[in-house]
Structures are given as C-alpha cells and as structure tokens.
Amino acid sequence: MSLRLAPVSIALLVAGCGPSPAPPPADMPARTWQYYVAHSEEIEAMQAICRKWSVSDAPAGSQPAVVTGNCRAAAFAKSQLQIAR
C-alpha cells in the first residue's frame, strides 16, 4: 500500500516546489499621504505593489522601508479621501 502512495506523495511535493516569485522592485521614491491625496490616481497602483509584497515569500524584515512607508501613506490617503466624500 505504501508503494502506491510514494509516487503520489513525490508528485505532490514536486508540485509545491520551484522558484518562488520575486518580490516587486523597491526602487521607488518615498511618498507621503499628502502626496497620495494630491495624486489619488496613484493609490491603486501603490496598493497593488503592497499586495505583491505581502504575498511574496520574502521575509517581513526584508521589505524595504520605502515600500512599507508608501503602503501606509497610500492606505491612509485612501481613507482620508473616502471620509472627505
């Protein structure tokens, strides 16, 4: 019985292996929430980058500070724009 499970187990292990996608680049300028309020069309693009970083396999401590700061600034600006409506 265990001989029949071995190929299935190996196939499942191999299917889960492979190179993980690289996190998005962090070569971006630092932005403030005021910037995102003034340039609201850039909020969604920044939040897409934030989602890519959050699901990447990169350790949390390896996320560049500019990404963390921009993610927070974009989220706060979005909330401020929603309150102002």
C-alpha atoms as a PDB file:
ATOM      1  CA  MET A   1       0.000   0.000   0.000  1.00  0.00           C
ATOM      2  CA  SER A   2       2.780   2.469   0.857  1.00  0.00           C
ATOM      3  CA  LEU A   3       4.437   1.758  -2.506  1.00  0.00           C
ATOM      4  CA  ARG A   4       1.377   3.110  -4.299  1.00  0.00           C
ATOM      5  CA  LEU A   5       1.355   6.266  -2.172  1.00  0.00           C
ATOM      6  CA  ALA A   6       5.022   7.062  -2.801  1.00  0.00           C
ATOM      7  CA  PRO A   7       4.600   8.319  -6.411  1.00  0.00           C
ATOM      8  CA  VAL A   8       1.608  10.424  -5.404  1.00  0.00           C
ATOM      9  CA  SER A   9       3.482  11.897  -2.449  1.00  0.00           C
ATOM     10  CA  ILE A  10       6.503  12.698  -4.584  1.00  0.00           C
ATOM     11  CA  ALA A  11       4.322  14.314  -7.234  1.00  0.00           C
ATOM     12  CA  LEU A  12       2.622  16.491  -4.622  1.00  0.00           C
ATOM     13  CA  LEU A  13       5.951  17.534  -3.140  1.00  0.00           C
ATOM     14  CA  VAL A  14       7.384  18.435  -6.539  1.00  0.00           C
ATOM     15  CA  ALA A  15       4.263  20.396  -7.468  1.00  0.00           C
ATOM     16  CA  GLY A  16       4.754  22.624  -4.436  1.00  0.00           C
ATOM     17  CA  CYS A  17       8.434  23.171  -5.113  1.00  0.00           C
ATOM     18  CA  GLY A  18      10.014  25.550  -7.504  1.00  0.00           C
ATOM     19  CA  PRO A  19      11.253  29.066  -7.539  1.00  0.00           C
ATOM     20  CA  SER A  20       9.056  31.479  -5.682  1.00  0.00           C
ATOM     21  CA  PRO A  21       8.183  34.691  -7.459  1.00  0.00           C
ATOM     22  CA  ALA A  22      10.491  37.565  -6.707  1.00  0.00           C
ATOM     23  CA  PRO A  23       9.058  40.445  -4.716  1.00  0.00           C
ATOM     24  CA  PRO A  24       8.368  43.581  -6.684  1.00  0.00           C
ATOM     25  CA  PRO A  25      11.187  46.102  -7.017  1.00  0.00           C
ATOM     26  CA  ALA A  26      11.620  48.711  -4.338  1.00  0.00           C
ATOM     27  CA  ASP A  27      13.305  51.381  -6.449  1.00  0.00           C
ATOM     28  CA  MET A  28      10.610  53.961  -5.860  1.00  0.00           C
ATOM     29  CA  PRO A  29      10.606  57.388  -4.273  1.00  0.00           C
ATOM     30  CA  ALA A  30       9.247  57.771  -0.771  1.00  0.00           C
ATOM     31  CA  ARG A  31       5.801  59.386  -0.744  1.00  0.00           C
ATOM     32  CA  THR A  32       3.683  60.952   1.981  1.00  0.00           C
ATOM     33  CA  TRP A  33      -0.033  60.571   2.499  1.00  0.00           C
ATOM     34  CA  GLN A  34      -0.402  64.186   1.359  1.00  0.00           C
ATOM     35  CA  TYR A  35       1.232  63.247  -1.942  1.00  0.00           C
ATOM     36  CA  TYR A  36      -1.253  60.426  -2.449  1.00  0.00           C
ATOM     37  CA  VAL A  37      -4.175  62.716  -1.618  1.00  0.00           C
ATOM     38  CA  ALA A  38      -2.937  65.127  -4.288  1.00  0.00           C
ATOM     39  CA  HIS A  39      -2.251  62.272  -6.739  1.00  0.00           C
ATOM     40  CA  SER A  40      -5.095  59.900  -5.902  1.00  0.00           C
ATOM     41  CA  GLU A  41      -4.750  58.140  -9.266  1.00  0.00           C
ATOM     42  CA  GLU A  42      -1.522  56.575  -7.920  1.00  0.00           C
ATOM     43  CA  ILE A  43      -3.094  54.988  -4.826  1.00  0.00           C
ATOM     44  CA  GLU A  44      -4.357  51.832  -6.532  1.00  0.00           C
ATOM     45  CA  ALA A  45      -1.032  51.224  -8.276  1.00  0.00           C
ATOM     46  CA  MET A  46       0.799  51.531  -4.958  1.00  0.00           C
ATOM     47  CA  GLN A  47      -1.658  49.243  -3.229  1.00  0.00           C
ATOM     48  CA  ALA A  48      -1.110  46.643  -5.963  1.00  0.00           C
ATOM     49  CA  ILE A  49       2.615  46.765  -5.159  1.00  0.00           C
ATOM     50  CA  CYS A  50       1.783  46.425  -1.460  1.00  0.00           C
ATOM     51  CA  ARG A  51      -0.287  43.306  -2.161  1.00  0.00           C
ATOM     52  CA  LYS A  52       2.571  41.776  -4.156  1.00  0.00           C
ATOM     53  CA  TRP A  53       4.979  42.361  -1.288  1.00  0.00           C
ATOM     54  CA  SER A  54       2.554  40.989   1.270  1.00  0.00           C
ATOM     55  CA  VAL A  55       2.116  37.679  -0.579  1.00  0.00           C
ATOM     56  CA  SER A  56       5.770  37.261  -1.545  1.00  0.00           C
ATOM     57  CA  ASP A  57       7.928  34.710   0.221  1.00  0.00           C
ATOM     58  CA  ALA A  58      10.382  37.404   1.249  1.00  0.00           C
ATOM     59  CA  PRO A  59      10.909  37.655   4.997  1.00  0.00           C
ATOM     60  CA  ALA A  60       8.953  40.517   6.561  1.00  0.00           C
ATOM     61  CA  GLY A  61      12.169  42.206   7.686  1.00  0.00           C
ATOM     62  CA  SER A  62      13.475  42.326   4.127  1.00  0.00           C
ATOM     63  CA  GLN A  63      10.710  44.623   2.878  1.00  0.00           C
ATOM     64  CA  PRO A  64      12.330  47.977   2.126  1.00  0.00           C
ATOM     65  CA  ALA A  65      11.267  50.860   4.349  1.00  0.00           C
ATOM     66  CA  VAL A  66      10.180  52.866   1.307  1.00  0.00           C
ATOM     67  CA  VAL A  67       7.627  50.165   0.437  1.00  0.00           C
ATOM     68  CA  THR A  68       6.317  49.996   3.986  1.00  0.00           C
ATOM     69  CA  GLY A  69       6.068  53.765   4.227  1.00  0.00           C
ATOM     70  CA  ASN A  70       4.405  54.157   0.848  1.00  0.00           C
ATOM     71  CA  CYS A  71       1.915  51.385   1.610  1.00  0.00           C
ATOM     72  CA  ARG A  72       0.895  53.065   4.835  1.00  0.00           C
ATOM     73  CA  ALA A  73       0.766  56.501   3.212  1.00  0.00           C
ATOM     74  CA  ALA A  74      -1.387  55.249   0.329  1.00  0.00           C
ATOM     75  CA  ALA A  75      -3.777  53.437   2.670  1.00  0.00           C
ATOM     76  CA  PHE A  76      -4.130  56.477   4.918  1.00  0.00           C
ATOM     77  CA  ALA A  77      -4.652  58.802   1.943  1.00  0.00           C
ATOM     78  CA  LYS A  78      -7.335  56.484   0.575  1.00  0.00           C
ATOM     79  CA  SER A  79      -9.148  56.523   3.911  1.00  0.00           C
ATOM     80  CA  GLN A  80      -8.931  60.316   4.089  1.00  0.00           C
ATOM     81  CA  LEU A  81     -10.340  60.662   0.572  1.00  0.00           C
ATOM     82  CA  GLN A  82     -13.225  58.329   1.472  1.00  0.00           C
ATOM     83  CA  ILE A  83     -14.030  60.369   4.602  1.00  0.00           C
ATOM     84  CA  ALA A  84     -13.998  63.606   2.611  1.00  0.00           C
ATOM     85  CA  ARG A  85     -16.672  62.342   0.201  1.00  0.00           C
END
